[in-house]
Protein backbone atom coordinates (compact mmCIF):
# COMPACT_ATOMS: atom_id res chain seq x y z
CA MET A 1 24.40 -58.87 -145.38
CA ARG A 2 22.53 -56.13 -143.29
CA THR A 3 19.65 -57.16 -141.27
CA ASP A 4 16.66 -56.00 -139.30
CA TYR A 5 17.92 -57.21 -135.87
CA LYS A 6 20.49 -56.46 -133.64
CA LEU A 7 21.54 -56.96 -129.93
CA PRO A 8 18.71 -55.66 -127.71
CA PHE A 9 19.03 -53.04 -124.92
CA ALA A 10 21.45 -50.48 -127.03
CA SER A 11 19.49 -47.37 -125.13
CA LEU A 12 20.82 -48.99 -121.82
CA SER A 13 24.73 -47.31 -122.53
CA ILE A 14 22.55 -43.41 -121.95
CA ARG A 15 22.91 -43.21 -118.07
CA ASN A 16 19.74 -41.17 -117.56
CA TYR A 17 17.49 -44.34 -119.14
CA ARG A 18 20.14 -47.01 -116.97
CA LEU A 19 19.27 -45.18 -113.74
CA PHE A 20 15.29 -45.05 -114.80
CA PHE A 21 15.44 -48.88 -116.41
CA ILE A 22 16.99 -50.30 -112.55
CA GLY A 23 14.77 -47.98 -110.15
CA GLN A 24 11.69 -48.54 -111.95
CA GLY A 25 12.79 -52.32 -112.13
CA VAL A 26 12.87 -52.89 -108.77
CA SER A 27 9.87 -50.71 -108.06
CA LEU A 28 7.55 -52.61 -110.44
CA ILE A 29 8.67 -56.29 -108.77
CA GLY A 30 6.77 -54.83 -105.69
CA THR A 31 4.05 -53.68 -107.95
CA TRP A 32 3.36 -57.14 -109.33
CA VAL A 33 3.63 -58.13 -106.08
CA GLN A 34 0.94 -55.99 -104.34
CA ARG A 35 -1.08 -56.86 -108.05
CA VAL A 36 -1.45 -60.98 -107.30
CA THR A 37 -1.96 -60.22 -103.68
CA MET A 38 -4.86 -57.52 -104.26
CA GLY A 39 -6.62 -60.18 -106.58
CA TRP A 40 -6.52 -63.06 -103.99
CA PHE A 41 -7.23 -60.97 -100.89
CA VAL A 42 -10.47 -59.69 -102.69
CA TYR A 43 -11.43 -63.37 -103.73
CA ARG A 44 -10.28 -64.44 -100.32
CA ILE A 45 -12.75 -62.54 -98.03
CA THR A 46 -15.63 -62.08 -100.74
CA ASN A 47 -15.79 -65.00 -102.94
CA SER A 48 -17.66 -62.98 -105.37
CA HIS A 49 -16.58 -62.61 -109.24
CA PHE A 50 -18.32 -58.86 -109.08
CA LEU A 51 -15.96 -57.55 -106.54
CA LEU A 52 -13.02 -58.69 -107.96
CA GLY A 53 -14.55 -56.92 -111.00
CA LEU A 54 -15.25 -54.10 -109.63
CA VAL A 55 -11.97 -53.48 -107.32
CA SER A 56 -10.03 -54.00 -110.68
CA PHE A 57 -12.80 -51.38 -112.65
CA LEU A 58 -11.94 -48.87 -109.77
CA SER A 59 -8.70 -48.87 -110.10
CA MET A 60 -8.53 -48.12 -113.78
CA ILE A 61 -11.33 -46.06 -114.31
CA PRO A 62 -10.24 -42.39 -113.40
CA THR A 63 -8.09 -43.02 -116.02
CA LEU A 64 -10.75 -42.57 -118.58
CA PHE A 65 -11.53 -38.52 -116.77
CA ILE A 66 -7.90 -37.41 -116.00
CA SER A 67 -5.38 -39.01 -118.46
CA PRO A 68 -6.61 -36.71 -121.31
CA PHE A 69 -6.00 -33.79 -119.21
CA ALA A 70 -2.30 -35.38 -117.94
CA GLY A 71 -1.56 -35.85 -121.82
CA ALA A 72 -2.07 -32.03 -122.58
CA PHE A 73 0.07 -31.17 -119.68
CA ALA A 74 2.56 -33.57 -120.67
CA ASP A 75 3.66 -31.36 -123.31
CA LYS A 76 4.02 -28.41 -120.65
CA TRP A 77 5.14 -29.74 -117.34
CA ASN A 78 8.75 -31.05 -116.46
CA ARG A 79 7.77 -34.64 -116.71
CA HIS A 80 11.19 -35.38 -114.25
CA HIS A 81 9.55 -33.95 -111.68
CA THR A 82 6.26 -35.11 -112.05
CA LEU A 83 7.19 -38.75 -111.92
CA ILE A 84 8.76 -37.96 -108.41
CA VAL A 85 5.26 -36.35 -107.26
CA THR A 86 3.69 -39.45 -108.79
CA GLN A 87 6.10 -42.02 -107.47
CA THR A 88 5.89 -40.58 -104.47
CA ALA A 89 1.82 -40.64 -103.96
CA TYR A 90 2.23 -44.71 -104.95
CA MET A 91 4.03 -45.17 -102.33
CA ILE A 92 1.49 -43.45 -99.88
CA GLN A 93 -1.21 -45.26 -101.43
CA ALA A 94 0.34 -48.63 -100.70
CA GLY A 95 1.43 -48.13 -97.25
CA LEU A 96 -2.06 -46.94 -96.05
CA LEU A 97 -3.22 -49.97 -98.24
CA ALA A 98 -0.82 -51.91 -95.81
CA LEU A 99 -1.70 -50.26 -92.94
CA ALA A 100 -5.36 -51.26 -93.38
CA THR A 101 -5.13 -54.47 -93.93
CA LEU A 102 -2.26 -55.50 -91.41
CA THR A 103 -4.67 -53.79 -88.63
CA GLU A 104 -7.81 -55.60 -90.05
CA TYR A 105 -9.59 -52.57 -90.55
CA ILE A 106 -10.39 -54.41 -94.14
CA ASN A 107 -12.94 -57.23 -93.94
CA PRO A 108 -15.67 -58.68 -95.14
CA GLY A 109 -17.89 -56.18 -93.48
CA ARG A 110 -15.65 -53.12 -93.99
CA LEU A 111 -14.90 -53.01 -98.21
CA TRP A 112 -15.20 -49.48 -98.96
CA PRO A 113 -11.18 -48.84 -97.70
CA ILE A 114 -10.15 -51.31 -100.22
CA LEU A 115 -12.20 -49.68 -102.79
CA CYS A 116 -11.50 -46.49 -102.09
CA LEU A 117 -7.82 -47.03 -102.07
CA SER A 118 -8.23 -48.60 -105.60
CA LEU A 119 -9.73 -45.55 -106.92
CA LEU A 120 -7.13 -43.49 -105.55
CA MET A 121 -4.28 -45.58 -107.55
CA GLY A 122 -6.34 -45.50 -110.35
CA CYS A 123 -5.95 -41.18 -110.15
CA ILE A 124 -2.48 -41.30 -109.49
CA GLU A 125 -2.04 -44.30 -112.66
CA ALA A 126 -4.37 -41.92 -114.83
CA ILE A 127 -1.54 -38.69 -114.72
CA ASP A 128 1.58 -41.19 -114.70
CA ALA A 129 1.45 -43.41 -117.18
CA PRO A 130 1.09 -40.68 -120.03
CA ILE A 131 4.03 -38.85 -118.81
CA ARG A 132 6.07 -41.86 -118.33
CA GLN A 133 5.21 -43.26 -121.76
CA THR A 134 6.86 -39.55 -122.99
CA PHE A 135 9.70 -39.84 -120.57
CA VAL A 136 10.97 -42.57 -122.02
CA LYS A 137 11.79 -40.69 -125.35
CA ASP A 138 13.12 -37.79 -123.07
CA LEU A 139 15.86 -39.81 -121.44
CA VAL A 140 16.64 -41.47 -124.84
CA ASN A 141 17.62 -38.61 -126.95
CA LYS A 142 18.52 -40.91 -129.78
CA ARG A 143 15.96 -41.23 -132.34
CA SER A 144 16.76 -44.38 -133.47
CA LEU A 145 17.33 -45.96 -130.29
CA LEU A 146 13.59 -45.35 -129.37
CA PRO A 147 12.49 -48.56 -130.32
CA ASP A 148 15.18 -50.20 -128.18
CA ALA A 149 13.99 -48.00 -125.51
CA ILE A 150 10.22 -49.08 -125.68
CA ALA A 151 11.26 -52.71 -125.87
CA SER A 152 13.84 -52.93 -123.07
CA ASN A 153 11.78 -50.90 -121.15
CA SER A 154 8.69 -53.40 -121.51
CA ALA A 155 11.60 -56.19 -120.71
CA MET A 156 12.13 -54.19 -117.66
CA PHE A 157 8.29 -54.41 -116.98
CA ASN A 158 7.61 -57.84 -117.86
CA GLY A 159 11.02 -59.27 -116.14
CA ALA A 160 8.93 -57.69 -112.75
CA ARG A 161 5.86 -60.05 -113.68
CA LEU A 162 7.86 -62.82 -113.86
CA VAL A 163 9.58 -62.38 -110.57
CA GLY A 164 7.00 -60.58 -108.71
CA PRO A 165 4.25 -63.08 -108.56
CA ALA A 166 5.98 -65.81 -107.62
CA ILE A 167 7.42 -63.76 -104.91
CA GLY A 168 3.80 -62.51 -103.97
CA GLY A 169 2.26 -65.97 -104.24
CA ALA A 170 5.21 -67.26 -101.36
CA LEU A 171 4.57 -64.08 -99.17
CA ILE A 172 1.41 -64.80 -99.25
CA ILE A 173 0.91 -68.52 -97.58
CA VAL A 174 4.16 -67.35 -95.40
CA PHE A 175 3.19 -63.79 -94.11
CA SER A 176 -0.26 -62.27 -95.23
CA GLU A 177 -1.54 -59.98 -97.76
CA GLY A 178 -0.35 -56.56 -95.31
CA VAL A 179 2.85 -57.68 -95.29
CA CYS A 180 2.68 -57.76 -99.27
CA PHE A 181 1.58 -54.63 -99.84
CA ALA A 182 3.84 -53.06 -97.17
CA ILE A 183 7.30 -54.58 -99.50
CA ASN A 184 5.34 -52.99 -102.64
CA SER A 185 5.44 -49.66 -100.67
CA VAL A 186 8.95 -49.60 -100.04
CA THR A 187 10.16 -50.48 -103.32
CA TYR A 188 9.07 -47.10 -104.71
CA LEU A 189 12.05 -45.70 -102.81
CA ALA A 190 13.99 -46.95 -105.83
CA VAL A 191 12.71 -45.45 -108.62
CA ILE A 192 12.33 -42.39 -106.74
CA ILE A 193 16.02 -42.54 -105.82
CA SER A 194 16.86 -42.89 -109.38
CA LEU A 195 14.77 -39.86 -110.77
CA LEU A 196 16.62 -37.61 -107.94
CA PHE A 197 19.88 -39.18 -109.80
CA MET A 198 19.09 -37.74 -113.12
CA LYS A 199 20.32 -34.60 -114.53
CA ILE A 200 17.63 -33.76 -117.16
CA ASP A 201 17.95 -30.49 -119.19
CA TYR A 202 14.61 -29.64 -121.35
CA PRO A 203 14.83 -26.96 -123.48
CA PRO A 204 12.69 -23.68 -123.09
CA ARG A 205 9.54 -24.09 -123.82
CA GLN A 206 7.12 -21.40 -126.06
CA ALA A 207 5.06 -20.41 -123.87
CA LYS A 208 1.45 -20.69 -125.04
CA ASN A 209 -1.89 -20.05 -123.70
CA GLU A 210 -3.81 -22.38 -125.85
CA PRO A 211 -7.15 -24.00 -123.36
CA VAL A 212 -6.53 -27.15 -122.10
CA LEU A 213 -9.64 -28.90 -124.07
CA THR A 214 -8.21 -27.57 -126.93
CA LYS A 215 -4.93 -29.55 -126.72
CA ILE A 216 -7.09 -32.36 -125.79
CA LEU A 217 -9.31 -32.10 -128.77
CA GLU A 218 -6.25 -31.61 -130.76
CA GLY A 219 -4.77 -34.94 -129.74
CA TRP A 220 -7.87 -36.78 -130.55
CA LYS A 221 -8.36 -34.85 -133.77
CA TYR A 222 -4.62 -35.90 -134.69
CA SER A 223 -5.10 -39.45 -133.93
CA TRP A 224 -8.40 -39.66 -135.60
CA LYS A 225 -7.37 -37.87 -138.60
CA ASN A 226 -4.18 -40.84 -138.66
CA VAL A 227 -5.61 -43.95 -139.98
CA PRO A 228 -2.70 -45.86 -138.41
CA ILE A 229 -3.09 -44.45 -135.00
CA ARG A 230 -6.82 -44.88 -134.93
CA PHE A 231 -6.17 -48.28 -136.03
CA LEU A 232 -3.83 -49.13 -133.64
CA ILE A 233 -5.61 -47.77 -130.95
CA PHE A 234 -8.79 -49.06 -131.35
CA ASN A 235 -7.19 -52.49 -131.97
CA LEU A 236 -5.52 -52.08 -128.71
CA SER A 237 -8.86 -50.76 -126.91
CA PHE A 238 -10.70 -54.03 -127.97
CA TYR A 239 -8.07 -56.07 -126.82
CA THR A 240 -7.71 -54.87 -123.35
CA LEU A 241 -11.92 -54.80 -123.42
CA PHE A 242 -11.83 -58.75 -124.84
CA GLY A 243 -8.60 -60.00 -124.00
CA LEU A 244 -6.77 -58.54 -121.18
CA SER A 245 -9.67 -58.86 -118.80
CA TYR A 246 -8.40 -62.66 -118.02
CA ALA A 247 -5.98 -61.59 -115.21
CA THR A 248 -9.21 -60.88 -113.18
CA LEU A 249 -10.21 -64.25 -113.64
CA LEU A 250 -7.06 -65.68 -112.15
CA PRO A 251 -7.63 -65.99 -108.51
CA ILE A 252 -11.16 -68.38 -109.60
CA PHE A 253 -8.43 -70.17 -111.73
CA ALA A 254 -6.19 -71.13 -109.34
CA ARG A 255 -8.55 -71.66 -106.58
CA ASP A 256 -11.54 -72.83 -108.39
CA VAL A 257 -10.44 -74.53 -111.85
CA LEU A 258 -7.14 -75.99 -110.97
CA LYS A 259 -7.82 -76.67 -107.26
CA GLY A 260 -4.57 -74.71 -106.05
CA ASP A 261 -3.69 -71.43 -104.03
CA SER A 262 -1.98 -68.24 -103.65
CA SER A 263 1.31 -70.24 -105.47
CA THR A 264 -0.74 -71.58 -108.07
CA GLN A 265 -2.07 -67.97 -108.98
CA GLY A 266 1.65 -66.22 -108.90
CA ALA A 267 2.78 -69.61 -110.69
CA LEU A 268 0.53 -68.63 -113.51
CA MET A 269 1.14 -65.09 -113.65
CA SER A 270 4.67 -65.56 -113.62
CA CYS A 271 4.58 -67.64 -116.60
CA VAL A 272 2.54 -64.81 -118.19
CA GLY A 273 5.97 -62.77 -117.39
CA ILE A 274 8.24 -65.37 -118.91
CA GLY A 275 6.20 -65.34 -122.69
CA ALA A 276 6.02 -61.72 -122.24
CA LEU A 277 9.62 -60.95 -121.35
CA ALA A 278 10.77 -63.07 -124.40
CA GLY A 279 8.59 -61.09 -126.82
CA ALA A 280 9.71 -57.98 -125.33
CA LEU A 281 13.65 -59.56 -126.01
CA PHE A 282 12.45 -59.85 -129.42
CA LEU A 283 11.23 -56.52 -130.10
CA GLY A 284 14.57 -55.42 -128.49
CA SER A 285 16.49 -57.16 -131.61
CA ARG A 286 14.63 -55.17 -134.16
CA LYS A 287 16.43 -52.14 -135.67
CA THR A 288 13.54 -50.90 -137.87
CA ILE A 289 9.86 -50.84 -137.24
CA LYS A 290 9.01 -52.76 -140.83
CA GLY A 291 6.95 -55.43 -140.44
CA LEU A 292 6.33 -54.73 -137.04
CA LEU A 293 2.23 -53.95 -137.79
CA GLN A 294 2.09 -57.84 -139.31
CA LEU A 295 3.80 -58.95 -136.26
CA LEU A 296 1.23 -57.34 -134.12
CA ILE A 297 -2.04 -58.75 -135.58
CA TYR A 298 -0.04 -62.50 -135.56
CA ALA A 299 0.51 -61.80 -132.14
CA GLY A 300 -2.87 -61.33 -131.22
CA ILE A 301 -3.57 -64.55 -133.29
CA ILE A 302 -1.84 -66.04 -130.51
CA GLY A 303 -2.79 -64.72 -127.44
CA SER A 304 -6.02 -64.88 -128.02
CA LEU A 305 -5.79 -69.12 -129.37
CA SER A 306 -3.95 -69.81 -125.90
CA LEU A 307 -6.73 -67.87 -124.05
CA ILE A 308 -9.28 -70.16 -125.73
CA ALA A 309 -7.24 -73.07 -124.80
CA LEU A 310 -6.62 -72.19 -121.28
CA SER A 311 -10.70 -71.72 -121.07
CA LEU A 312 -10.39 -75.35 -121.46
CA SER A 313 -8.10 -76.58 -119.51
CA THR A 314 -8.49 -78.44 -116.28
CA ASN A 315 -4.50 -79.35 -115.65
CA VAL A 316 -2.15 -76.88 -113.77
CA TYR A 317 0.90 -77.83 -116.27
CA LEU A 318 -1.04 -77.15 -119.55
CA SER A 319 -2.06 -74.16 -118.03
CA MET A 320 1.44 -72.25 -117.54
CA GLY A 321 2.38 -73.32 -120.71
CA LEU A 322 -0.25 -71.41 -122.10
CA MET A 323 0.59 -68.41 -120.04
CA LEU A 324 3.39 -67.97 -121.68
CA PHE A 325 1.93 -68.16 -125.15
CA THR A 326 -0.83 -65.45 -124.08
CA GLY A 327 2.05 -63.33 -122.28
CA PHE A 328 4.15 -63.39 -125.48
CA GLY A 329 1.03 -62.39 -127.51
CA MET A 330 -0.35 -60.15 -125.41
CA THR A 331 2.74 -58.08 -124.71
CA THR A 332 4.01 -58.26 -128.05
CA GLN A 333 1.11 -56.79 -129.47
CA MET A 334 1.60 -53.67 -126.84
CA ILE A 335 4.78 -53.04 -127.51
CA ALA A 336 4.51 -53.06 -131.45
CA THR A 337 1.80 -50.74 -131.11
CA ASN A 338 3.33 -48.63 -128.36
CA THR A 339 6.67 -48.57 -131.32
CA ILE A 340 4.82 -47.90 -134.10
CA ILE A 341 2.94 -44.72 -132.64
CA GLN A 342 5.72 -43.46 -131.07
CA SER A 343 7.65 -43.48 -134.19
CA VAL A 344 5.05 -41.57 -136.63
CA VAL A 345 3.40 -39.25 -134.34
CA ASP A 346 4.53 -35.59 -134.78
CA GLU A 347 7.00 -34.32 -132.51
CA LYS A 348 4.62 -31.44 -130.96
CA MET A 349 1.37 -33.75 -130.79
CA HIS A 350 3.43 -36.94 -128.37
CA GLY A 351 2.36 -36.18 -125.80
CA ARG A 352 -1.24 -35.34 -126.26
CA VAL A 353 -1.42 -38.86 -128.62
CA MET A 354 0.26 -40.61 -125.94
CA SER A 355 -2.61 -39.56 -123.57
CA VAL A 356 -5.11 -41.22 -126.13
CA TYR A 357 -2.88 -44.32 -126.34
CA THR A 358 -3.17 -45.02 -122.68
CA MET A 359 -6.91 -44.25 -122.62
CA GLY A 360 -6.92 -46.85 -125.28
CA PHE A 361 -6.18 -49.54 -122.82
CA GLY A 362 -6.58 -47.78 -119.29
CA SER A 363 -9.95 -46.49 -119.59
CA ILE A 364 -11.27 -49.28 -121.45
CA SER A 365 -9.81 -51.90 -119.13
CA PRO A 366 -11.62 -51.35 -116.22
CA PHE A 367 -14.86 -52.47 -118.41
CA GLY A 368 -13.23 -55.01 -119.56
CA ASN A 369 -12.17 -56.07 -116.14
CA LEU A 370 -15.99 -55.20 -114.86
CA LEU A 371 -17.85 -56.89 -117.80
CA ILE A 372 -15.73 -60.29 -117.49
CA GLY A 373 -16.08 -60.35 -113.45
CA THR A 374 -20.07 -59.64 -113.88
CA LEU A 375 -20.13 -62.13 -117.11
CA SER A 376 -18.65 -64.75 -114.91
CA GLY A 377 -20.70 -64.50 -111.76
CA SER A 378 -24.03 -64.59 -113.97
CA LEU A 379 -22.90 -67.76 -115.69
CA GLY A 380 -21.89 -68.94 -112.59
CA THR A 381 -24.94 -68.12 -110.60
CA LEU A 382 -26.99 -69.66 -113.90
CA LEU A 383 -25.56 -72.85 -113.67
CA ALA A 384 -25.87 -72.94 -110.42
CA VAL A 385 -29.88 -72.22 -109.93
CA ARG A 386 -31.07 -73.36 -113.43
CA VAL A 387 -28.43 -76.77 -113.92
CA GLY A 388 -28.42 -77.56 -110.61
CA LEU A 389 -24.31 -77.49 -110.47
CA PRO A 390 -22.55 -76.96 -107.15
CA ALA A 391 -21.62 -73.89 -106.06
CA VAL A 392 -17.95 -74.08 -106.90
CA GLN A 393 -18.42 -76.20 -110.02
CA ALA A 394 -20.58 -73.40 -111.08
CA SER A 395 -18.18 -70.75 -110.34
CA SER A 396 -15.21 -72.64 -112.16
CA LEU A 397 -17.16 -73.11 -115.48
CA GLY A 398 -18.73 -69.97 -115.37
CA ALA A 399 -15.12 -68.65 -115.62
CA GLN A 400 -14.08 -71.03 -117.93
CA ILE A 401 -17.17 -70.19 -120.46
CA ALA A 402 -17.06 -66.05 -119.72
CA LEU A 403 -12.80 -66.81 -121.04
CA GLY A 404 -13.74 -68.53 -123.86
CA LEU A 405 -16.26 -66.10 -124.88
CA CYS A 406 -14.24 -63.03 -124.93
CA ALA A 407 -11.25 -64.71 -126.34
CA SER A 408 -13.01 -65.66 -129.24
CA ALA A 409 -14.23 -62.26 -129.81
CA CYS A 410 -10.56 -61.14 -129.99
CA LEU A 411 -9.71 -64.30 -132.67
CA ILE A 412 -12.30 -62.52 -134.91
CA TRP A 413 -11.31 -59.07 -134.70
CA SER A 414 -7.51 -60.51 -135.54
CA LEU A 415 -8.38 -62.22 -138.36
CA LEU A 416 -10.49 -59.54 -139.85
CA SER A 417 -7.41 -57.04 -139.76
CA LEU A 418 -5.26 -59.01 -141.85
CA ARG A 419 -6.57 -57.85 -144.97
CA LYS A 420 -5.77 -54.41 -143.38
CA ILE A 421 -2.40 -54.63 -143.83
CA PRO A 422 -1.17 -53.21 -147.13
CA LEU A 423 -3.05 -50.13 -146.75
CA LEU A 424 -1.80 -49.63 -142.93
CA VAL A 425 1.86 -50.36 -144.02
CA ARG A 426 1.56 -47.52 -146.60
CA ASP A 427 0.22 -44.66 -144.57
CA ILE A 428 2.56 -45.62 -141.98
CA PHE A 429 5.34 -45.24 -144.12
CA ARG A 430 3.85 -41.88 -145.68
CA MET A 431 3.73 -39.99 -141.62
CA LEU A 432 7.38 -41.02 -141.35
CA ILE A 433 8.23 -39.18 -144.24
CA SER A 434 6.40 -36.68 -143.38
CA ASN A 435 8.41 -36.01 -140.12
CA LYS A 436 11.65 -37.19 -141.61
CA ASN A 437 11.69 -40.42 -139.51
CA THR A 438 12.38 -42.86 -142.19
CA GLU A 439 15.57 -44.52 -140.94
CA ILE A 440 13.56 -46.29 -138.56
CA TYR A 441 12.18 -47.93 -141.32
CA ARG A 442 15.14 -48.37 -143.11
CA PRO A 443 18.10 -47.72 -141.58
CA THR A 444 21.04 -46.57 -143.71
CA PRO A 445 23.89 -49.17 -143.72
CA THR A 446 26.26 -46.41 -141.65
CA LEU A 447 23.37 -46.10 -139.31
CA ASP A 448 25.09 -47.06 -135.78
CA LEU A 449 22.73 -48.44 -133.01
CA SER A 450 25.36 -49.27 -130.72
CA MET A 451 26.71 -45.74 -130.02
CA SER A 452 26.85 -44.67 -126.11
CA GLU A 453 25.75 -41.41 -125.62
CA ARG A 454 26.16 -40.28 -121.46
């Protein structure tokens, strides 16, 4: 009997993808060590909700301005060589951050280095992200393996999210934030070495003197014209603005709401990683994208409900359990969005559309972080001044209310989206027919996804 499920990670049979998976996996552990450390470090030396949001804002806002150009060039540049450059730039940025922290050049009276380095990281990410998204497709040259590759890539990302924050939280206590940043810098060597060992032969590209702005506009027009892509990118943007910004408040929840320390924040983020990894493994076991849109919307409902419950929780263990569902819901939604878009998009528009997709979360995310940080801080101040609550209690309650409001907006949007499913499914299948890619929706009985390509 034919089913829509299979064993995950068949894409690892491809040598180049396997190298990327291992190298990127090691590097991402360091990235998550830095992420948990950055939030804790900023909140420790400033006690400011706003500055927490501002640092996140600066690390992501360049995506809004740079990512469209990177997407246009992703269809023109050698993506393999470009990634070697961007990963090296990441390593240098993390090294400078470690040096400035270890020498105490960054302190409460001198915050500009961390703001500038966050902005630099955002510029690198704006170039790297759309090219890296497209690069996965370059590595897996069998279209039927693309959903598996996207899911396994996300599993690797979330496996690192499971391990990295726990390591980071412990290292902060045992050593210091500067050591964590230094470890992240060293881990970039793994992905750089893996890229250097790859052998990728790109087909000759036809030289076109098309203006870059024309390429960018084509990507936007294509994304807007095709209803499924338009809906998926808007849906992702909405959840990024109001839902994914919860991570900005985790240092506040860990210290003020749950009365913990950096290891508490690391544990919360690791629980998100466990849930996210479960979602990635589940999606990696699917043979087709059939039913993926419905799953995407229901996953959004699960993630929203878990965040609403988190906003009401003051128990560490309950909060950790809720983080499992948050990770599963939010990550399942993001992987499903990525998989559907890459499956239906026209090959020649791939890089440009993926830059629009990247902007859907990369450029919206900083505004979400700034919004929830400002809202949380304002509510905390209001509760302290008008109601007369102690500062710590007002701070924690302000964060809880801000999270509850944002998560409620996500829940309402998901419930409203349910009625759009039938029309969107119809349009998705039409795009697959147009691109002669219907086997990814309805696999033929003879399709073998376990074949090895080396």
